[in-house]
PDB file of all heavy atoms in Angstrom:
ATOM      1  N   VAL A   1     -13.478  -3.970  -2.228  1.00  0.00           N
ATOM      2  CA  VAL A   1     -14.538  -3.678  -3.220  1.00  0.00           C
ATOM      3  C   VAL A   1     -15.850  -3.246  -2.779  1.00  0.00           C
ATOM      4  O   VAL A   1     -16.743  -2.741  -3.674  1.00  0.00           O
ATOM      5  CB  VAL A   1     -14.698  -4.910  -4.178  1.00  0.00           C
ATOM      6  CG1 VAL A   1     -13.351  -5.201  -4.960  1.00  0.00           C
ATOM      7  CG2 VAL A   1     -15.155  -6.216  -3.398  1.00  0.00           C
ATOM      8  N   PHE A   2     -16.145  -3.608  -1.627  1.00  0.00           N
ATOM      9  CA  PHE A   2     -17.483  -3.101  -0.897  1.00  0.00           C
ATOM     10  C   PHE A   2     -17.242  -1.962   0.064  1.00  0.00           C
ATOM     11  O   PHE A   2     -18.279  -1.653   0.834  1.00  0.00           O
ATOM     12  CB  PHE A   2     -18.165  -4.233  -0.365  1.00  0.00           C
ATOM     13  CG  PHE A   2     -18.472  -5.387  -1.302  1.00  0.00           C
ATOM     14  CD1 PHE A   2     -17.669  -6.514  -1.361  1.00  0.00           C
ATOM     15  CD2 PHE A   2     -19.345  -5.241  -2.295  1.00  0.00           C
ATOM     16  CE1 PHE A   2     -18.004  -7.621  -2.246  1.00  0.00           C
ATOM     17  CE2 PHE A   2     -19.644  -6.218  -3.144  1.00  0.00           C
ATOM     18  CZ  PHE A   2     -18.935  -7.468  -3.179  1.00  0.00           C
ATOM     19  N   THR A   3     -16.108  -1.390   0.150  1.00  0.00           N
ATOM     20  CA  THR A   3     -15.775  -0.401   1.183  1.00  0.00           C
ATOM     21  C   THR A   3     -15.862  -0.564   2.572  1.00  0.00           C
ATOM     22  O   THR A   3     -15.849   0.273   3.506  1.00  0.00           O
ATOM     23  CB  THR A   3     -16.575   0.923   0.926  1.00  0.00           C
ATOM     24  OG1 THR A   3     -17.893   0.629   1.280  1.00  0.00           O
ATOM     25  CG2 THR A   3     -16.660   1.290  -0.685  1.00  0.00           C
ATOM     26  N   ALA A   4     -15.876  -1.870   2.914  1.00  0.00           N
ATOM     27  CA  ALA A   4     -15.995  -2.376   4.317  1.00  0.00           C
ATOM     28  C   ALA A   4     -14.816  -1.973   5.185  1.00  0.00           C
ATOM     29  O   ALA A   4     -14.849  -1.815   6.378  1.00  0.00           O
ATOM     30  CB  ALA A   4     -16.180  -3.873   4.507  1.00  0.00           C
ATOM     31  N   THR A   5     -13.596  -1.782   4.582  1.00  0.00           N
ATOM     32  CA  THR A   5     -12.431  -1.455   5.324  1.00  0.00           C
ATOM     33  C   THR A   5     -11.981  -0.033   4.995  1.00  0.00           C
ATOM     34  O   THR A   5     -10.797   0.326   5.216  1.00  0.00           O
ATOM     35  CB  THR A   5     -11.237  -2.378   4.941  1.00  0.00           C
ATOM     36  OG1 THR A   5     -11.005  -2.500   3.550  1.00  0.00           O
ATOM     37  CG2 THR A   5     -11.621  -3.793   5.398  1.00  0.00           C
ATOM     38  N   LYS A   6     -12.849   0.793   4.449  1.00  0.00           N
ATOM     39  CA  LYS A   6     -12.520   2.159   4.055  1.00  0.00           C
ATOM     40  C   LYS A   6     -11.875   3.002   5.204  1.00  0.00           C
ATOM     41  O   LYS A   6     -12.518   2.921   6.388  1.00  0.00           O
ATOM     42  CB  LYS A   6     -13.710   2.879   3.492  1.00  0.00           C
ATOM     43  CG  LYS A   6     -13.453   4.128   2.821  1.00  0.00           C
ATOM     44  CD  LYS A   6     -14.690   4.801   2.148  1.00  0.00           C
ATOM     45  CE  LYS A   6     -14.506   6.144   1.535  1.00  0.00           C
ATOM     46  NZ  LYS A   6     -13.536   6.200   0.432  1.00  0.00           N
ATOM     47  N   ASN A   7     -10.930   3.707   5.037  1.00  0.00           N
ATOM     48  CA  ASN A   7     -10.279   4.571   5.923  1.00  0.00           C
ATOM     49  C   ASN A   7      -9.478   3.925   7.141  1.00  0.00           C
ATOM     50  O   ASN A   7      -9.070   4.666   7.973  1.00  0.00           O
ATOM     51  CB  ASN A   7     -11.397   5.628   6.538  1.00  0.00           C
ATOM     52  CG  ASN A   7     -11.843   6.592   5.565  1.00  0.00           C
ATOM     53  OD1 ASN A   7     -11.239   6.945   4.585  1.00  0.00           O
ATOM     54  ND2 ASN A   7     -13.252   6.860   5.731  1.00  0.00           N
ATOM     55  N   LEU A   8      -9.406   2.642   7.116  1.00  0.00           N
ATOM     56  CA  LEU A   8      -8.692   2.047   8.293  1.00  0.00           C
ATOM     57  C   LEU A   8      -7.230   2.209   8.099  1.00  0.00           C
ATOM     58  O   LEU A   8      -6.510   2.501   9.167  1.00  0.00           O
ATOM     59  CB  LEU A   8      -8.944   0.498   8.111  1.00  0.00           C
ATOM     60  CG  LEU A   8     -10.378   0.059   8.391  1.00  0.00           C
ATOM     61  CD1 LEU A   8     -10.424  -1.550   8.442  1.00  0.00           C
ATOM     62  CD2 LEU A   8     -10.955   0.658   9.700  1.00  0.00           C
ATOM     63  N   THR A   9      -6.654   2.305   6.879  1.00  0.00           N
ATOM     64  CA  THR A   9      -5.223   2.639   6.757  1.00  0.00           C
ATOM     65  C   THR A   9      -4.907   3.975   7.216  1.00  0.00           C
ATOM     66  O   THR A   9      -3.949   4.219   7.942  1.00  0.00           O
ATOM     67  CB  THR A   9      -4.847   2.436   5.288  1.00  0.00           C
ATOM     68  OG1 THR A   9      -5.117   1.022   4.861  1.00  0.00           O
ATOM     69  CG2 THR A   9      -3.314   2.533   5.087  1.00  0.00           C
ATOM     70  N   ASP A  10      -5.828   4.950   6.865  1.00  0.00           N
ATOM     71  CA  ASP A  10      -5.494   6.358   7.252  1.00  0.00           C
ATOM     72  C   ASP A  10      -5.622   6.471   8.669  1.00  0.00           C
ATOM     73  O   ASP A  10      -4.753   7.203   9.304  1.00  0.00           O
ATOM     74  CB  ASP A  10      -6.582   7.225   6.688  1.00  0.00           C
ATOM     75  CG  ASP A  10      -6.423   7.553   5.143  1.00  0.00           C
ATOM     76  OD1 ASP A  10      -5.282   7.184   4.645  1.00  0.00           O
ATOM     77  OD2 ASP A  10      -7.318   7.923   4.531  1.00  0.00           O
ATOM     78  N   GLU A  11      -6.626   5.798   9.371  1.00  0.00           N
ATOM     79  CA  GLU A  11      -6.686   5.948  10.912  1.00  0.00           C
ATOM     80  C   GLU A  11      -5.593   5.241  11.718  1.00  0.00           C
ATOM     81  O   GLU A  11      -5.265   5.666  12.769  1.00  0.00           O
ATOM     82  CB  GLU A  11      -8.007   5.523  11.310  1.00  0.00           C
ATOM     83  CG  GLU A  11      -9.176   6.561  10.808  1.00  0.00           C
ATOM     84  CD  GLU A  11     -10.472   6.261  11.518  1.00  0.00           C
ATOM     85  OE1 GLU A  11     -10.392   5.820  12.644  1.00  0.00           O
ATOM     86  OE2 GLU A  11     -11.499   6.513  10.982  1.00  0.00           O
ATOM     87  N   PHE A  12      -5.276   4.024  11.201  1.00  0.00           N
ATOM     88  CA  PHE A  12      -4.322   3.195  12.012  1.00  0.00           C
ATOM     89  C   PHE A  12      -3.100   2.885  11.392  1.00  0.00           C
ATOM     90  O   PHE A  12      -2.251   2.202  12.083  1.00  0.00           O
ATOM     91  CB  PHE A  12      -5.097   1.906  12.211  1.00  0.00           C
ATOM     92  CG  PHE A  12      -6.479   2.032  13.004  1.00  0.00           C
ATOM     93  CD1 PHE A  12      -7.655   2.217  12.271  1.00  0.00           C
ATOM     94  CD2 PHE A  12      -6.496   2.255  14.322  1.00  0.00           C
ATOM     95  CE1 PHE A  12      -8.979   2.280  12.970  1.00  0.00           C
ATOM     96  CE2 PHE A  12      -7.614   2.450  15.047  1.00  0.00           C
ATOM     97  CZ  PHE A  12      -8.856   2.473  14.438  1.00  0.00           C
ATOM     98  N   GLY A  13      -2.765   3.336  10.215  1.00  0.00           N
ATOM     99  CA  GLY A  13      -1.393   3.121   9.642  1.00  0.00           C
ATOM    100  C   GLY A  13      -1.432   1.853   8.837  1.00  0.00           C
ATOM    101  O   GLY A  13      -2.092   0.908   8.936  1.00  0.00           O
ATOM    102  N   GLY A  14      -0.328   1.913   7.914  1.00  0.00           N
ATOM    103  CA  GLY A  14      -0.161   0.787   6.901  1.00  0.00           C
ATOM    104  C   GLY A  14       0.315  -0.421   7.429  1.00  0.00           C
ATOM    105  O   GLY A  14       0.284  -1.377   6.744  1.00  0.00           O
ATOM    106  N   ASP A  15       0.808  -0.432   8.741  1.00  0.00           N
ATOM    107  CA  ASP A  15       1.171  -1.673   9.337  1.00  0.00           C
ATOM    108  C   ASP A  15      -0.036  -2.412  10.025  1.00  0.00           C
ATOM    109  O   ASP A  15       0.173  -3.613  10.431  1.00  0.00           O
ATOM    110  CB  ASP A  15       2.225  -1.495  10.383  1.00  0.00           C
ATOM    111  CG  ASP A  15       1.858  -0.564  11.593  1.00  0.00           C
ATOM    112  OD1 ASP A  15       0.880   0.192  11.320  1.00  0.00           O
ATOM    113  OD2 ASP A  15       2.654  -0.552  12.638  1.00  0.00           O
ATOM    114  N   ARG A  16      -1.111  -1.725   9.961  1.00  0.00           N
ATOM    115  CA  ARG A  16      -2.411  -2.350  10.680  1.00  0.00           C
ATOM    116  C   ARG A  16      -3.450  -2.587   9.669  1.00  0.00           C
ATOM    117  O   ARG A  16      -4.313  -3.502   9.980  1.00  0.00           O
ATOM    118  CB  ARG A  16      -2.957  -1.435  11.909  1.00  0.00           C
ATOM    119  CG  ARG A  16      -1.958  -1.153  12.863  1.00  0.00           C
ATOM    120  CD  ARG A  16      -2.223  -1.479  14.276  1.00  0.00           C
ATOM    121  NE  ARG A  16      -3.448  -2.167  14.689  1.00  0.00           N
ATOM    122  CZ  ARG A  16      -4.291  -1.458  15.615  1.00  0.00           C
ATOM    123  NH1 ARG A  16      -4.035  -0.174  15.988  1.00  0.00           N
ATOM    124  NH2 ARG A  16      -5.449  -2.051  15.912  1.00  0.00           N
ATOM    125  N   CYS A  17      -3.479  -2.003   8.775  1.00  0.00           N
ATOM    126  CA  CYS A  17      -4.479  -2.265   7.442  1.00  0.00           C
ATOM    127  C   CYS A  17      -3.650  -2.184   6.268  1.00  0.00           C
ATOM    128  O   CYS A  17      -3.181  -1.077   5.779  1.00  0.00           O
ATOM    129  CB  CYS A  17      -5.674  -1.405   7.515  1.00  0.00           C
ATOM    130  SG  CYS A  17      -6.858  -1.823   6.255  1.00  0.00           S
ATOM    131  N   PHE A  18      -3.390  -3.348   5.430  1.00  0.00           N
ATOM    132  CA  PHE A  18      -2.664  -3.400   4.375  1.00  0.00           C
ATOM    133  C   PHE A  18      -3.059  -4.392   3.319  1.00  0.00           C
ATOM    134  O   PHE A  18      -3.927  -5.298   3.686  1.00  0.00           O
ATOM    135  CB  PHE A  18      -1.146  -3.630   4.780  1.00  0.00           C
ATOM    136  CG  PHE A  18      -0.994  -4.836   5.655  1.00  0.00           C
ATOM    137  CD1 PHE A  18      -0.769  -6.111   5.083  1.00  0.00           C
ATOM    138  CD2 PHE A  18      -0.903  -4.773   6.916  1.00  0.00           C
ATOM    139  CE1 PHE A  18      -0.596  -7.243   5.806  1.00  0.00           C
ATOM    140  CE2 PHE A  18      -0.804  -5.913   7.777  1.00  0.00           C
ATOM    141  CZ  PHE A  18      -0.562  -7.128   7.197  1.00  0.00           C
ATOM    142  N   ASN A  19      -2.575  -4.097   2.105  1.00  0.00           N
ATOM    143  CA  ASN A  19      -2.944  -5.131   1.082  1.00  0.00           C
ATOM    144  C   ASN A  19      -2.007  -6.360   1.093  1.00  0.00           C
ATOM    145  O   ASN A  19      -0.852  -6.201   1.435  1.00  0.00           O
ATOM    146  CB  ASN A  19      -2.771  -4.428  -0.339  1.00  0.00           C
ATOM    147  CG  ASN A  19      -3.887  -3.388  -0.614  1.00  0.00           C
ATOM    148  OD1 ASN A  19      -5.015  -3.537  -0.123  1.00  0.00           O
ATOM    149  ND2 ASN A  19      -3.607  -2.332  -1.231  1.00  0.00           N
ATOM    150  N   SER A  20      -2.607  -7.391   0.701  1.00  0.00           N
ATOM    151  CA  SER A  20      -1.780  -8.729   0.570  1.00  0.00           C
ATOM    152  C   SER A  20      -1.734  -8.944  -0.926  1.00  0.00           C
ATOM    153  O   SER A  20      -2.302  -8.414  -1.841  1.00  0.00           O
ATOM    154  CB  SER A  20      -2.615  -9.856   1.162  1.00  0.00           C
ATOM    155  OG  SER A  20      -3.734 -10.123   0.303  1.00  0.00           O
ATOM    156  N   PRO A  21      -0.778  -9.928  -1.309  1.00  0.00           N
ATOM    157  CA  PRO A  21      -0.812 -10.399  -2.655  1.00  0.00           C
ATOM    158  C   PRO A  21      -2.050 -11.107  -2.999  1.00  0.00           C
ATOM    159  O   PRO A  21      -2.831 -11.460  -2.065  1.00  0.00           O
ATOM    160  CB  PRO A  21       0.327 -11.346  -2.690  1.00  0.00           C
ATOM    161  CG  PRO A  21       1.198 -11.040  -1.496  1.00  0.00           C
ATOM    162  CD  PRO A  21       0.353 -10.379  -0.408  1.00  0.00           C
ATOM    163  N   LEU A  22      -2.443 -11.291  -4.182  1.00  0.00           N
ATOM    164  CA  LEU A  22      -3.653 -11.921  -4.666  1.00  0.00           C
ATOM    165  C   LEU A  22      -3.448 -13.297  -4.532  1.00  0.00           C
ATOM    166  O   LEU A  22      -3.138 -14.129  -5.627  1.00  0.00           O
ATOM    167  CB  LEU A  22      -4.015 -11.444  -6.108  1.00  0.00           C
ATOM    168  CG  LEU A  22      -5.502 -11.539  -6.435  1.00  0.00           C
ATOM    169  CD1 LEU A  22      -5.841 -10.991  -7.751  1.00  0.00           C
ATOM    170  CD2 LEU A  22      -5.967 -13.059  -6.554  1.00  0.00           C
ATOM    171  N   ALA A  23      -3.373 -13.931  -3.327  1.00  0.00           N
ATOM    172  CA  ALA A  23      -3.162 -15.245  -3.050  1.00  0.00           C
ATOM    173  C   ALA A  23      -3.867 -15.722  -1.855  1.00  0.00           C
ATOM    174  O   ALA A  23      -3.468 -15.460  -0.720  1.00  0.00           O
ATOM    175  CB  ALA A  23      -1.692 -15.508  -3.027  1.00  0.00           C
ATOM    176  N   GLU A  24      -5.138 -16.199  -1.962  1.00  0.00           N
ATOM    177  CA  GLU A  24      -5.980 -16.543  -0.820  1.00  0.00           C
ATOM    178  C   GLU A  24      -5.329 -17.369   0.168  1.00  0.00           C
ATOM    179  O   GLU A  24      -5.507 -17.284   1.427  1.00  0.00           O
ATOM    180  CB  GLU A  24      -7.316 -16.951  -1.235  1.00  0.00           C
ATOM    181  CG  GLU A  24      -8.209 -15.990  -2.028  1.00  0.00           C
ATOM    182  CD  GLU A  24      -7.860 -15.856  -3.446  1.00  0.00           C
ATOM    183  OE1 GLU A  24      -6.920 -16.516  -3.978  1.00  0.00           O
ATOM    184  OE2 GLU A  24      -8.375 -14.869  -4.081  1.00  0.00           O
ATOM    185  N   GLY A  25      -4.721 -18.429  -0.287  1.00  0.00           N
ATOM    186  CA  GLY A  25      -3.970 -19.325   0.604  1.00  0.00           C
ATOM    187  C   GLY A  25      -2.896 -18.650   1.503  1.00  0.00           C
ATOM    188  O   GLY A  25      -2.745 -18.978   2.615  1.00  0.00           O
ATOM    189  N   SER A  26      -2.276 -17.686   0.947  1.00  0.00           N
ATOM    190  CA  SER A  26      -1.240 -16.929   1.574  1.00  0.00           C
ATOM    191  C   SER A  26      -1.888 -16.105   2.763  1.00  0.00           C
ATOM    192  O   SER A  26      -1.475 -15.803   3.800  1.00  0.00           O
ATOM    193  CB  SER A  26      -0.542 -16.054   0.742  1.00  0.00           C
ATOM    194  OG  SER A  26       0.313 -16.829  -0.283  1.00  0.00           O
TER     195      SER A  26
END
């Protein structure tokens, strides 16, 4: 939401920067 991780997925792939479920404990 603050763009701190912008373009990481493009540069390093979906196995290195990916979305989690909305579950902070997880």
